[in-house]
Structure formats: C-alpha cells, structure tokens
Amino acid sequence: MNLKINQILKYKDSNDDVRVIEVFSQSALLSCTDNHKIPEEIYTFEEIQEAFELPKERWQPKKEGRYYCIGSNGLIIDSQWVNYVVDKKRLDLGNIFKTREEAEQARDKIKELLQNL
C-alpha cells in the first residue's frame, strides 16, 4: 500500500474494522471511522514510511547552501548548491545530506551492502 503525504485512507484491518489513516509530513494518526477525531495510535513519519512504503521527502539545500555528498571514492564531499546538473543528479540519487555525519552513515550502509553482495 503506497500512501502520500496529506492523504486520508480508509481500509479494513484484520478484524474487519474500518480504519482511517491520515498522513502528515512528520507523523500519521490511525483511528477508527466512528470517532475519526480521536486518534487510536500516532506514528512517526519514519514508521509510516517503513510500514506503508512511503517515498521519503528529500531535503534540498537553498541556493548557495552547503551540503555533503558521497564521492565515487567513498570520501565525503563538502559542496555548495548552485543548481547545476551535478547538484540535481545527486539529489535524484539521494546523495545530498545536511551533515557530514549523515553522509558518513549513508556511506557506511552502502559499503556494507556492497560487501555483502
């Protein structure tokens, strides 16, 4: 099931009860249709992304803003957004990070994945 931000979805759970999911940018609430205003459970956006395979919202630096990316040799690059093709390609690949630490964590996950192929 693919959900989009700001979507409201009704579905039947395993007990055949009708539920409503409202997806916000940072959270989602799950409630039953009878008392739609009272949430039964609240999830973080990350939990909703994982459970319902939502696409992640990608952060994009402001013009001339700093960002970090992973170079082809695995080194972390400190770069500036100038809206060039290379910036847009990095964004499309998900290779734009707010901090060096985020870029390092992503690089380590990629390295582990490639070593286990």
PDB file of N, CA and C in Angstrom:
ATOM      1  N   MET A   1       0.853  -1.176   0.000  1.00  0.00           N
ATOM      2  CA  MET A   1       0.000   0.000   0.000  1.00  0.00           C
ATOM      3  C   MET A   1       0.896   1.236   0.000  1.00  0.00           C
ATOM      4  N   ASN A   2       0.762   2.068  -0.985  1.00  0.00           N
ATOM      5  CA  ASN A   2       1.531   3.312  -1.058  1.00  0.00           C
ATOM      6  C   ASN A   2       0.667   4.474  -0.604  1.00  0.00           C
ATOM      7  N   LEU A   3       1.141   5.206   0.384  1.00  0.00           N
ATOM      8  CA  LEU A   3       0.457   6.395   0.879  1.00  0.00           C
ATOM      9  C   LEU A   3       1.242   7.624   0.486  1.00  0.00           C
ATOM     10  N   LYS A   4       0.546   8.735   0.363  1.00  0.00           N
ATOM     11  CA  LYS A   4       1.193  10.004   0.063  1.00  0.00           C
ATOM     12  C   LYS A   4       0.928  10.965   1.211  1.00  0.00           C
ATOM     13  N   ILE A   5       1.816  11.923   1.378  1.00  0.00           N
ATOM     14  CA  ILE A   5       1.648  12.932   2.413  1.00  0.00           C
ATOM     15  C   ILE A   5       0.345  13.674   2.165  1.00  0.00           C
ATOM     16  N   ASN A   6      -0.369  13.958   3.239  1.00  0.00           N
ATOM     17  CA  ASN A   6      -1.679  14.625   3.256  1.00  0.00           C
ATOM     18  C   ASN A   6      -2.817  13.737   2.764  1.00  0.00           C
ATOM     19  N   GLN A   7      -2.557  12.466   2.570  1.00  0.00           N
ATOM     20  CA  GLN A   7      -3.600  11.555   2.125  1.00  0.00           C
ATOM     21  C   GLN A   7      -4.386  11.037   3.328  1.00  0.00           C
ATOM     22  N   ILE A   8      -5.670  10.828   3.118  1.00  0.00           N
ATOM     23  CA  ILE A   8      -6.529  10.175   4.112  1.00  0.00           C
ATOM     24  C   ILE A   8      -7.013   8.888   3.458  1.00  0.00           C
ATOM     25  N   LEU A   9      -6.782   7.779   4.115  1.00  0.00           N
ATOM     26  CA  LEU A   9      -7.106   6.481   3.542  1.00  0.00           C
ATOM     27  C   LEU A   9      -7.977   5.690   4.502  1.00  0.00           C
ATOM     28  N   LYS A  10      -9.053   5.089   3.986  1.00  0.00           N
ATOM     29  CA  LYS A  10      -9.874   4.180   4.773  1.00  0.00           C
ATOM     30  C   LYS A  10      -9.556   2.763   4.325  1.00  0.00           C
ATOM     31  N   TYR A  11      -9.434   1.860   5.291  1.00  0.00           N
ATOM     32  CA  TYR A  11      -9.166   0.465   4.955  1.00  0.00           C
ATOM     33  C   TYR A  11      -9.728  -0.431   6.060  1.00  0.00           C
ATOM     34  N   LYS A  12      -9.848  -1.716   5.788  1.00  0.00           N
ATOM     35  CA  LYS A  12     -10.310  -2.672   6.795  1.00  0.00           C
ATOM     36  C   LYS A  12      -9.110  -3.404   7.362  1.00  0.00           C
ATOM     37  N   ASP A  13      -9.061  -3.492   8.692  1.00  0.00           N
ATOM     38  CA  ASP A  13      -7.956  -4.196   9.326  1.00  0.00           C
ATOM     39  C   ASP A  13      -8.266  -5.696   9.383  1.00  0.00           C
ATOM     40  N   SER A  14      -7.415  -6.453  10.055  1.00  0.00           N
ATOM     41  CA  SER A  14      -7.574  -7.907  10.104  1.00  0.00           C
ATOM     42  C   SER A  14      -8.845  -8.346  10.835  1.00  0.00           C
ATOM     43  N   ASN A  15      -9.416  -7.474  11.680  1.00  0.00           N
ATOM     44  CA  ASN A  15     -10.673  -7.782  12.372  1.00  0.00           C
ATOM     45  C   ASN A  15     -11.888  -7.297  11.593  1.00  0.00           C
ATOM     46  N   ASP A  16     -11.661  -6.837  10.377  1.00  0.00           N
ATOM     47  CA  ASP A  16     -12.708  -6.320   9.500  1.00  0.00           C
ATOM     48  C   ASP A  16     -13.296  -5.007  10.010  1.00  0.00           C
ATOM     49  N   ASP A  17     -12.564  -4.302  10.885  1.00  0.00           N
ATOM     50  CA  ASP A  17     -12.966  -2.975  11.338  1.00  0.00           C
ATOM     51  C   ASP A  17     -12.424  -1.938  10.352  1.00  0.00           C
ATOM     52  N   VAL A  18     -13.216  -0.938  10.072  1.00  0.00           N
ATOM     53  CA  VAL A  18     -12.777   0.117   9.170  1.00  0.00           C
ATOM     54  C   VAL A  18     -11.887   1.089   9.942  1.00  0.00           C
ATOM     55  N   ARG A  19     -10.734   1.413   9.382  1.00  0.00           N
ATOM     56  CA  ARG A  19      -9.769   2.326   9.992  1.00  0.00           C
ATOM     57  C   ARG A  19      -9.507   3.484   9.043  1.00  0.00           C
ATOM     58  N   VAL A  20      -8.986   4.554   9.609  1.00  0.00           N
ATOM     59  CA  VAL A  20      -8.613   5.730   8.827  1.00  0.00           C
ATOM     60  C   VAL A  20      -7.168   6.067   9.164  1.00  0.00           C
ATOM     61  N   ILE A  21      -6.380   6.290   8.136  1.00  0.00           N
ATOM     62  CA  ILE A  21      -5.007   6.754   8.332  1.00  0.00           C
ATOM     63  C   ILE A  21      -4.917   8.135   7.707  1.00  0.00           C
ATOM     64  N   GLU A  22      -4.431   9.092   8.475  1.00  0.00           N
ATOM     65  CA  GLU A  22      -4.147  10.428   7.964  1.00  0.00           C
ATOM     66  C   GLU A  22      -2.643  10.604   8.013  1.00  0.00           C
ATOM     67  N   VAL A  23      -2.037  10.888   6.889  1.00  0.00           N
ATOM     68  CA  VAL A  23      -0.593  11.014   6.809  1.00  0.00           C
ATOM     69  C   VAL A  23      -0.224  12.494   6.743  1.00  0.00           C
ATOM     70  N   PHE A  24       0.615  12.913   7.680  1.00  0.00           N
ATOM     71  CA  PHE A  24       1.129  14.279   7.719  1.00  0.00           C
ATOM     72  C   PHE A  24       2.602  14.236   7.355  1.00  0.00           C
ATOM     73  N   SER A  25       3.267  15.365   7.319  1.00  0.00           N
ATOM     74  CA  SER A  25       4.666  15.372   6.902  1.00  0.00           C
ATOM     75  C   SER A  25       5.597  14.730   7.934  1.00  0.00           C
ATOM     76  N   GLN A  26       5.279  14.803   9.212  1.00  0.00           N
ATOM     77  CA  GLN A  26       6.163  14.228  10.220  1.00  0.00           C
ATOM     78  C   GLN A  26       5.516  13.121  11.045  1.00  0.00           C
ATOM     79  N   SER A  27       4.225  12.880  10.861  1.00  0.00           N
ATOM     80  CA  SER A  27       3.550  11.837  11.631  1.00  0.00           C
ATOM     81  C   SER A  27       2.287  11.414  10.907  1.00  0.00           C
ATOM     82  N   ALA A  28       1.656  10.395  11.457  1.00  0.00           N
ATOM     83  CA  ALA A  28       0.372   9.940  10.926  1.00  0.00           C
ATOM     84  C   ALA A  28      -0.448   9.442  12.093  1.00  0.00           C
ATOM     85  N   LEU A  29      -1.759   9.555  11.968  1.00  0.00           N
ATOM     86  CA  LEU A  29      -2.587   9.021  13.027  1.00  0.00           C
ATOM     87  C   LEU A  29      -3.492   7.952  12.459  1.00  0.00           C
ATOM     88  N   LEU A  30      -3.759   6.965  13.278  1.00  0.00           N
ATOM     89  CA  LEU A  30      -4.618   5.849  12.921  1.00  0.00           C
ATOM     90  C   LEU A  30      -5.823   5.908  13.831  1.00  0.00           C
ATOM     91  N   SER A  31      -7.013   5.911  13.273  1.00  0.00           N
ATOM     92  CA  SER A  31      -8.224   5.966  14.082  1.00  0.00           C
ATOM     93  C   SER A  31      -9.297   5.115  13.421  1.00  0.00           C
ATOM     94  N   CYS A  32     -10.360   4.848  14.175  1.00  0.00           N
ATOM     95  CA  CYS A  32     -11.485   4.149  13.576  1.00  0.00           C
ATOM     96  C   CYS A  32     -12.442   5.190  13.009  1.00  0.00           C
ATOM     97  N   THR A  33     -13.293   4.798  12.065  1.00  0.00           N
ATOM     98  CA  THR A  33     -14.127   5.772  11.363  1.00  0.00           C
ATOM     99  C   THR A  33     -15.224   6.346  12.241  1.00  0.00           C
ATOM    100  N   ASP A  34     -15.664   5.610  13.263  1.00  0.00           N
ATOM    101  CA  ASP A  34     -16.752   6.102  14.108  1.00  0.00           C
ATOM    102  C   ASP A  34     -16.371   7.353  14.878  1.00  0.00           C
ATOM    103  N   ASN A  35     -15.164   7.388  15.377  1.00  0.00           N
ATOM    104  CA  ASN A  35     -14.704   8.573  16.108  1.00  0.00           C
ATOM    105  C   ASN A  35     -13.398   9.059  15.505  1.00  0.00           C
ATOM    106  N   HIS A  36     -13.499   9.422  14.260  1.00  0.00           N
ATOM    107  CA  HIS A  36     -12.352   9.814  13.436  1.00  0.00           C
ATOM    108  C   HIS A  36     -11.487  10.894  14.088  1.00  0.00           C
ATOM    109  N   LYS A  37     -12.061  11.719  14.924  1.00  0.00           N
ATOM    110  CA  LYS A  37     -11.307  12.815  15.542  1.00  0.00           C
ATOM    111  C   LYS A  37     -10.410  12.352  16.681  1.00  0.00           C
ATOM    112  N   ILE A  38     -10.637  11.163  17.200  1.00  0.00           N
ATOM    113  CA  ILE A  38      -9.849  10.684  18.335  1.00  0.00           C
ATOM    114  C   ILE A  38      -8.843   9.638  17.825  1.00  0.00           C
ATOM    115  N   PRO A  39      -7.566   9.971  17.807  1.00  0.00           N
ATOM    116  CA  PRO A  39      -6.582   9.002  17.303  1.00  0.00           C
ATOM    117  C   PRO A  39      -6.413   7.834  18.253  1.00  0.00           C
ATOM    118  N   GLU A  40      -6.306   6.645  17.688  1.00  0.00           N
ATOM    119  CA  GLU A  40      -6.005   5.470  18.492  1.00  0.00           C
ATOM    120  C   GLU A  40      -4.500   5.294  18.645  1.00  0.00           C
ATOM    121  N   GLU A  41      -3.795   5.577  17.570  1.00  0.00           N
ATOM    122  CA  GLU A  41      -2.349   5.439  17.586  1.00  0.00           C
ATOM    123  C   GLU A  41      -1.751   6.559  16.736  1.00  0.00           C
ATOM    124  N   ILE A  42      -0.599   7.042  17.167  1.00  0.00           N
ATOM    125  CA  ILE A  42       0.120   8.046  16.389  1.00  0.00           C
ATOM    126  C   ILE A  42       1.495   7.472  16.071  1.00  0.00           C
ATOM    127  N   TYR A  43       1.902   7.571  14.817  1.00  0.00           N
ATOM    128  CA  TYR A  43       3.168   7.033  14.364  1.00  0.00           C
ATOM    129  C   TYR A  43       4.067   8.169  13.895  1.00  0.00           C
ATOM    130  N   THR A  44       5.361   7.942  13.985  1.00  0.00           N
ATOM    131  CA  THR A  44       6.279   8.905  13.389  1.00  0.00           C
ATOM    132  C   THR A  44       6.238   8.721  11.876  1.00  0.00           C
ATOM    133  N   PHE A  45       6.698   9.730  11.157  1.00  0.00           N
ATOM    134  CA  PHE A  45       6.716   9.641   9.705  1.00  0.00           C
ATOM    135  C   PHE A  45       7.596   8.476   9.255  1.00  0.00           C
ATOM    136  N   GLU A  46       8.709   8.222   9.956  1.00  0.00           N
ATOM    137  CA  GLU A  46       9.602   7.134   9.590  1.00  0.00           C
ATOM    138  C   GLU A  46       8.902   5.783   9.725  1.00  0.00           C
ATOM    139  N   GLU A  47       8.099   5.604  10.780  1.00  0.00           N
ATOM    140  CA  GLU A  47       7.353   4.358  10.951  1.00  0.00           C
ATOM    141  C   GLU A  47       6.334   4.169   9.834  1.00  0.00           C
ATOM    142  N   ILE A  48       5.678   5.257   9.445  1.00  0.00           N
ATOM    143  CA  ILE A  48       4.704   5.182   8.357  1.00  0.00           C
ATOM    144  C   ILE A  48       5.415   4.892   7.036  1.00  0.00           C
ATOM    145  N   GLN A  49       6.552   5.534   6.812  1.00  0.00           N
ATOM    146  CA  GLN A  49       7.306   5.272   5.587  1.00  0.00           C
ATOM    147  C   GLN A  49       7.644   3.795   5.469  1.00  0.00           C
ATOM    148  N   GLU A  50       8.119   3.217   6.566  1.00  0.00           N
ATOM    149  CA  GLU A  50       8.520   1.820   6.552  1.00  0.00           C
ATOM    150  C   GLU A  50       7.324   0.895   6.384  1.00  0.00           C
ATOM    151  N   ALA A  51       6.266   1.137   7.148  1.00  0.00           N
ATOM    152  CA  ALA A  51       5.110   0.250   7.120  1.00  0.00           C
ATOM    153  C   ALA A  51       4.335   0.320   5.807  1.00  0.00           C
ATOM    154  N   PHE A  52       4.269   1.506   5.217  1.00  0.00           N
ATOM    155  CA  PHE A  52       3.443   1.687   4.027  1.00  0.00           C
ATOM    156  C   PHE A  52       4.244   2.073   2.793  1.00  0.00           C
ATOM    157  N   GLU A  53       5.567   1.937   2.864  1.00  0.00           N
ATOM    158  CA  GLU A  53       6.440   2.175   1.733  1.00  0.00           C
ATOM    159  C   GLU A  53       6.251   3.560   1.118  1.00  0.00           C
ATOM    160  N   LEU A  54       6.202   4.574   1.985  1.00  0.00           N
ATOM    161  CA  LEU A  54       6.106   5.961   1.508  1.00  0.00           C
ATOM    162  C   LEU A  54       7.448   6.423   0.962  1.00  0.00           C
ATOM    163  N   PRO A  55       7.442   7.194  -0.090  1.00  0.00           N
ATOM    164  CA  PRO A  55       8.708   7.772  -0.532  1.00  0.00           C
ATOM    165  C   PRO A  55       9.160   8.832   0.460  1.00  0.00           C
ATOM    166  N   LYS A  56      10.446   8.920   0.679  1.00  0.00           N
ATOM    167  CA  LYS A  56      10.975   9.917   1.604  1.00  0.00           C
ATOM    168  C   LYS A  56      10.957  11.293   0.959  1.00  0.00           C
ATOM    169  N   GLU A  57      10.655  12.278   1.782  1.00  0.00           N
ATOM    170  CA  GLU A  57      10.797  13.656   1.317  1.00  0.00           C
ATOM    171  C   GLU A  57      12.275  13.985   1.385  1.00  0.00           C
ATOM    172  N   ARG A  58      12.801  14.479   0.314  1.00  0.00           N
ATOM    173  CA  ARG A  58      14.225  14.779   0.288  1.00  0.00           C
ATOM    174  C   ARG A  58      14.475  16.241   0.627  1.00  0.00           C
ATOM    175  N   TRP A  59      15.438  16.429   1.494  1.00  0.00           N
ATOM    176  CA  TRP A  59      15.871  17.775   1.835  1.00  0.00           C
ATOM    177  C   TRP A  59      16.687  18.311   0.674  1.00  0.00           C
ATOM    178  N   GLN A  60      16.486  19.569   0.355  1.00  0.00           N
ATOM    179  CA  GLN A  60      17.265  20.230  -0.689  1.00  0.00           C
ATOM    180  C   GLN A  60      17.829  21.523  -0.131  1.00  0.00           C
ATOM    181  N   PRO A  61      19.121  21.725  -0.283  1.00  0.00           N
ATOM    182  CA  PRO A  61      19.713  22.966   0.218  1.00  0.00           C
ATOM    183  C   PRO A  61      19.161  24.182  -0.522  1.00  0.00           C
ATOM    184  N   LYS A  62      19.190  25.308   0.154  1.00  0.00           N
ATOM    185  CA  LYS A  62      18.822  26.563  -0.507  1.00  0.00           C
ATOM    186  C   LYS A  62      19.950  26.950  -1.455  1.00  0.00           C
ATOM    187  N   LYS A  63      19.660  27.852  -2.383  1.00  0.00           N
ATOM    188  CA  LYS A  63      20.676  28.289  -3.340  1.00  0.00           C
ATOM    189  C   LYS A  63      21.904  28.792  -2.581  1.00  0.00           C
ATOM    190  N   GLU A  64      23.042  28.278  -2.979  1.00  0.00           N
ATOM    191  CA  GLU A  64      24.348  28.558  -2.385  1.00  0.00           C
ATOM    192  C   GLU A  64      24.503  27.987  -0.973  1.00  0.00           C
ATOM    193  N   GLY A  65      23.567  27.117  -0.563  1.00  0.00           N
ATOM    194  CA  GLY A  65      23.663  26.462   0.738  1.00  0.00           C
ATOM    195  C   GLY A  65      24.642  25.297   0.701  1.00  0.00           C
ATOM    196  N   ARG A  66      25.175  24.960   1.863  1.00  0.00           N
ATOM    197  CA  ARG A  66      26.142  23.868   1.976  1.00  0.00           C
ATOM    198  C   ARG A  66      25.404  22.544   2.077  1.00  0.00           C
ATOM    199  N   TYR A  67      26.028  21.510   1.515  1.00  0.00           N
ATOM    200  CA  TYR A  67      25.540  20.145   1.681  1.00  0.00           C
ATOM    201  C   TYR A  67      26.720  19.194   1.559  1.00  0.00           C
ATOM    202  N   TYR A  68      26.475  17.938   1.943  1.00  0.00           N
ATOM    203  CA  TYR A  68      27.501  16.904   1.861  1.00  0.00           C
ATOM    204  C   TYR A  68      26.990  15.795   0.958  1.00  0.00           C
ATOM    205  N   CYS A  69      27.929  15.147   0.284  1.00  0.00           N
ATOM    206  CA  CYS A  69      27.571  14.011  -0.558  1.00  0.00           C
ATOM    207  C   CYS A  69      28.715  12.997  -0.509  1.00  0.00           C
ATOM    208  N   ILE A  70      28.450  11.822  -1.052  1.00  0.00           N
ATOM    209  CA  ILE A  70      29.438  10.747  -1.077  1.00  0.00           C
ATOM    210  C   ILE A  70      30.082  10.738  -2.459  1.00  0.00           C
ATOM    211  N   GLY A  71      31.405  10.881  -2.497  1.00  0.00           N
ATOM    212  CA  GLY A  71      32.129  10.838  -3.766  1.00  0.00           C
ATOM    213  C   GLY A  71      32.277   9.411  -4.266  1.00  0.00           C
ATOM    214  N   SER A  72      32.659   9.250  -5.515  1.00  0.00           N
ATOM    215  CA  SER A  72      32.795   7.917  -6.118  1.00  0.00           C
ATOM    216  C   SER A  72      33.861   7.076  -5.430  1.00  0.00           C
ATOM    217  N   ASN A  73      34.793   7.717  -4.722  1.00  0.00           N
ATOM    218  CA  ASN A  73      35.838   7.002  -3.986  1.00  0.00           C
ATOM    219  C   ASN A  73      35.454   6.755  -2.523  1.00  0.00           C
ATOM    220  N   GLY A  74      34.223   7.156  -2.147  1.00  0.00           N
ATOM    221  CA  GLY A  74      33.757   6.943  -0.781  1.00  0.00           C
ATOM    222  C   GLY A  74      34.067   8.087   0.169  1.00  0.00           C
ATOM    223  N   LEU A  75      34.820   9.071  -0.290  1.00  0.00           N
ATOM    224  CA  LEU A  75      35.105  10.220   0.561  1.00  0.00           C
ATOM    225  C   LEU A  75      33.888  11.141   0.611  1.00  0.00           C
ATOM    226  N   ILE A  76      33.729  11.819   1.732  1.00  0.00           N
ATOM    227  CA  ILE A  76      32.621  12.759   1.895  1.00  0.00           C
ATOM    228  C   ILE A  76      33.036  14.106   1.315  1.00  0.00           C
ATOM    229  N   ILE A  77      32.185  14.656   0.460  1.00  0.00           N
ATOM    230  CA  ILE A  77      32.463  15.927  -0.203  1.00  0.00           C
ATOM    231  C   ILE A  77      31.594  17.012   0.412  1.00  0.00           C
ATOM    232  N   ASP A  78      32.213  18.121   0.771  1.00  0.00           N
ATOM    233  CA  ASP A  78      31.511  19.317   1.243  1.00  0.00           C
ATOM    234  C   ASP A  78      31.273  20.173   0.014  1.00  0.00           C
ATOM    235  N   SER A  79      30.010  20.417  -0.328  1.00  0.00           N
ATOM    236  CA  SER A  79      29.707  21.114  -1.571  1.00  0.00           C
ATOM    237  C   SER A  79      28.721  22.253  -1.346  1.00  0.00           C
ATOM    238  N   GLN A  80      28.531  23.049  -2.381  1.00  0.00           N
ATOM    239  CA  GLN A  80      27.609  24.175  -2.326  1.00  0.00           C
ATOM    240  C   GLN A  80      26.580  24.012  -3.436  1.00  0.00           C
ATOM    241  N   TRP A  81      25.294  24.181  -3.085  1.00  0.00           N
ATOM    242  CA  TRP A  81      24.211  24.044  -4.053  1.00  0.00           C
ATOM    243  C   TRP A  81      24.188  25.266  -4.964  1.00  0.00           C
ATOM    244  N   VAL A  82      24.406  25.021  -6.253  1.00  0.00           N
ATOM    245  CA  VAL A  82      24.331  26.097  -7.239  1.00  0.00           C
ATOM    246  C   VAL A  82      23.319  25.764  -8.338  1.00  0.00           C
ATOM    247  N   ASN A  83      22.569  24.683  -8.115  1.00  0.00           N
ATOM    248  CA  ASN A  83      21.504  24.265  -9.025  1.00  0.00           C
ATOM    249  C   ASN A  83      22.038  23.792 -10.378  1.00  0.00           C
ATOM    250  N   TYR A  84      23.265  23.307 -10.397  1.00  0.00           N
ATOM    251  CA  TYR A  84      23.832  22.730 -11.611  1.00  0.00           C
ATOM    252  C   TYR A  84      23.308  21.305 -11.784  1.00  0.00           C
ATOM    253  N   VAL A  85      23.566  20.741 -12.928  1.00  0.00           N
ATOM    254  CA  VAL A  85      23.135  19.376 -13.223  1.00  0.00           C
ATOM    255  C   VAL A  85      23.675  18.398 -12.178  1.00  0.00           C
ATOM    256  N   VAL A  86      24.927  18.567 -11.780  1.00  0.00           N
ATOM    257  CA  VAL A  86      25.518  17.650 -10.805  1.00  0.00           C
ATOM    258  C   VAL A  86      24.765  17.712  -9.471  1.00  0.00           C
ATOM    259  N   ASP A  87      24.334  18.890  -9.062  1.00  0.00           N
ATOM    260  CA  ASP A  87      23.551  19.007  -7.829  1.00  0.00           C
ATOM    261  C   ASP A  87      22.227  18.257  -7.968  1.00  0.00           C
ATOM    262  N   LYS A  88      21.559  18.452  -9.088  1.00  0.00           N
ATOM    263  CA  LYS A  88      20.261  17.810  -9.325  1.00  0.00           C
ATOM    264  C   LYS A  88      20.387  16.294  -9.420  1.00  0.00           C
ATOM    265  N   LYS A  89      21.467  15.814 -10.050  1.00  0.00           N
ATOM    266  CA  LYS A  89      21.695  14.363 -10.148  1.00  0.00           C
ATOM    267  C   LYS A  89      21.951  13.764  -8.764  1.00  0.00           C
ATOM    268  N   ARG A  90      22.722  14.464  -7.943  1.00  0.00           N
ATOM    269  CA  ARG A  90      22.960  13.986  -6.577  1.00  0.00           C
ATOM    270  C   ARG A  90      21.650  13.919  -5.799  1.00  0.00           C
ATOM    271  N   LEU A  91      20.809  14.930  -5.972  1.00  0.00           N
ATOM    272  CA  LEU A  91      19.516  14.949  -5.297  1.00  0.00           C
ATOM    273  C   LEU A  91      18.649  13.783  -5.765  1.00  0.00           C
ATOM    274  N   ASP A  92      18.604  13.550  -7.074  1.00  0.00           N
ATOM    275  CA  ASP A  92      17.820  12.436  -7.617  1.00  0.00           C
ATOM    276  C   ASP A  92      18.275  11.093  -7.065  1.00  0.00           C
ATOM    277  N   LEU A  93      19.579  10.955  -6.827  1.00  0.00           N
ATOM    278  CA  LEU A  93      20.126   9.706  -6.296  1.00  0.00           C
ATOM    279  C   LEU A  93      19.998   9.590  -4.778  1.00  0.00           C
ATOM    280  N   GLY A  94      19.581  10.677  -4.125  1.00  0.00           N
ATOM    281  CA  GLY A  94      19.518  10.660  -2.666  1.00  0.00           C
ATOM    282  C   GLY A  94      20.877  10.890  -2.041  1.00  0.00           C
ATOM    283  N   ASN A  95      21.785  11.494  -2.791  1.00  0.00           N
ATOM    284  CA  ASN A  95      23.150  11.709  -2.334  1.00  0.00           C
ATOM    285  C   ASN A  95      23.373  13.163  -1.914  1.00  0.00           C
ATOM    286  N   ILE A  96      22.439  13.693  -1.141  1.00  0.00           N
ATOM    287  CA  ILE A  96      22.514  15.043  -0.588  1.00  0.00           C
ATOM    288  C   ILE A  96      22.215  14.923   0.906  1.00  0.00           C
ATOM    289  N   PHE A  97      23.115  15.411   1.742  1.00  0.00           N
ATOM    290  CA  PHE A  97      22.943  15.288   3.190  1.00  0.00           C
ATOM    291  C   PHE A  97      23.192  16.631   3.866  1.00  0.00           C
ATOM    292  N   LYS A  98      22.458  16.867   4.954  1.00  0.00           N
ATOM    293  CA  LYS A  98      22.612  18.116   5.710  1.00  0.00           C
ATOM    294  C   LYS A  98      23.933  18.166   6.457  1.00  0.00           C
ATOM    295  N   THR A  99      24.369  17.016   6.959  1.00  0.00           N
ATOM    296  CA  THR A  99      25.577  16.996   7.783  1.00  0.00           C
ATOM    297  C   THR A  99      26.565  15.943   7.280  1.00  0.00           C
ATOM    298  N   ARG A 100      27.814  16.144   7.638  1.00  0.00           N
ATOM    299  CA  ARG A 100      28.854  15.161   7.308  1.00  0.00           C
ATOM    300  C   ARG A 100      28.524  13.809   7.952  1.00  0.00           C
ATOM    301  N   GLU A 101      27.994  13.857   9.168  1.00  0.00           N
ATOM    302  CA  GLU A 101      27.667  12.621   9.883  1.00  0.00           C
ATOM    303  C   GLU A 101      26.598  11.815   9.140  1.00  0.00           C
ATOM    304  N   GLU A 102      25.566  12.486   8.610  1.00  0.00           N
ATOM    305  CA  GLU A 102      24.538  11.780   7.834  1.00  0.00           C
ATOM    306  C   GLU A 102      25.148  11.130   6.598  1.00  0.00           C
ATOM    307  N   ALA A 103      26.032  11.849   5.924  1.00  0.00           N
ATOM    308  CA  ALA A 103      26.689  11.314   4.728  1.00  0.00           C
ATOM    309  C   ALA A 103      27.567  10.111   5.091  1.00  0.00           C
ATOM    310  N   GLU A 104      28.290  10.199   6.201  1.00  0.00           N
ATOM    311  CA  GLU A 104      29.144   9.089   6.637  1.00  0.00           C
ATOM    312  C   GLU A 104      28.312   7.856   6.969  1.00  0.00           C
ATOM    313  N   GLN A 105      27.184   8.051   7.644  1.00  0.00           N
ATOM    314  CA  GLN A 105      26.307   6.924   7.978  1.00  0.00           C
ATOM    315  C   GLN A 105      25.775   6.256   6.713  1.00  0.00           C
ATOM    316  N   ALA A 106      25.343   7.064   5.745  1.00  0.00           N
ATOM    317  CA  ALA A 106      24.835   6.516   4.483  1.00  0.00           C
ATOM    318  C   ALA A 106      25.943   5.758   3.749  1.00  0.00           C
ATOM    319  N   ARG A 107      27.143   6.341   3.714  1.00  0.00           N
ATOM    320  CA  ARG A 107      28.274   5.682   3.050  1.00  0.00           C
ATOM    321  C   ARG A 107      28.565   4.329   3.691  1.00  0.00           C
ATOM    322  N   ASP A 108      28.530   4.280   5.018  1.00  0.00           N
ATOM    323  CA  ASP A 108      28.818   3.024   5.717  1.00  0.00           C
ATOM    324  C   ASP A 108      27.763   1.965   5.407  1.00  0.00           C
ATOM    325  N   LYS A 109      26.503   2.382   5.303  1.00  0.00           N
ATOM    326  CA  LYS A 109      25.437   1.436   4.947  1.00  0.00           C
ATOM    327  C   LYS A 109      25.614   0.918   3.525  1.00  0.00           C
ATOM    328  N   ILE A 110      25.973   1.805   2.616  1.00  0.00           N
ATOM    329  CA  ILE A 110      26.197   1.413   1.220  1.00  0.00           C
ATOM    330  C   ILE A 110      27.381   0.459   1.135  1.00  0.00           C
ATOM    331  N   LYS A 111      28.453   0.776   1.844  1.00  0.00           N
ATOM    332  CA  LYS A 111      29.650  -0.070   1.841  1.00  0.00           C
ATOM    333  C   LYS A 111      29.315  -1.473   2.350  1.00  0.00           C
ATOM    334  N   GLU A 112      28.557  -1.533   3.435  1.00  0.00           N
ATOM    335  CA  GLU A 112      28.169  -2.834   3.989  1.00  0.00           C
ATOM    336  C   GLU A 112      27.315  -3.619   2.994  1.00  0.00           C
ATOM    337  N   LEU A 113      26.383  -2.937   2.362  1.00  0.00           N
ATOM    338  CA  LEU A 113      25.515  -3.589   1.386  1.00  0.00           C
ATOM    339  C   LEU A 113      26.335  -4.136   0.224  1.00  0.00           C
ATOM    340  N   LEU A 114      27.258  -3.357  -0.301  1.00  0.00           N
ATOM    341  CA  LEU A 114      28.069  -3.801  -1.425  1.00  0.00           C
ATOM    342  C   LEU A 114      29.001  -4.950  -1.045  1.00  0.00           C
ATOM    343  N   GLN A 115      29.503  -4.945   0.168  1.00  0.00           N
ATOM    344  CA  GLN A 115      30.404  -6.019   0.596  1.00  0.00           C
ATOM    345  C   GLN A 115      29.662  -7.338   0.803  1.00  0.00           C
ATOM    346  N   ASN A 116      28.351  -7.255   0.996  1.00  0.00           N
ATOM    347  CA  ASN A 116      27.561  -8.467   1.233  1.00  0.00           C
ATOM    348  C   ASN A 116      26.834  -8.982  -0.006  1.00  0.00           C
ATOM    349  N   LEU A 117      27.167  -8.438  -1.165  1.00  0.00           N
ATOM    350  CA  LEU A 117      26.546  -8.925  -2.415  1.00  0.00           C
ATOM    351  C   LEU A 117      27.111 -10.255  -2.821  1.00  0.00           C
TER     352      LEU A 117
END
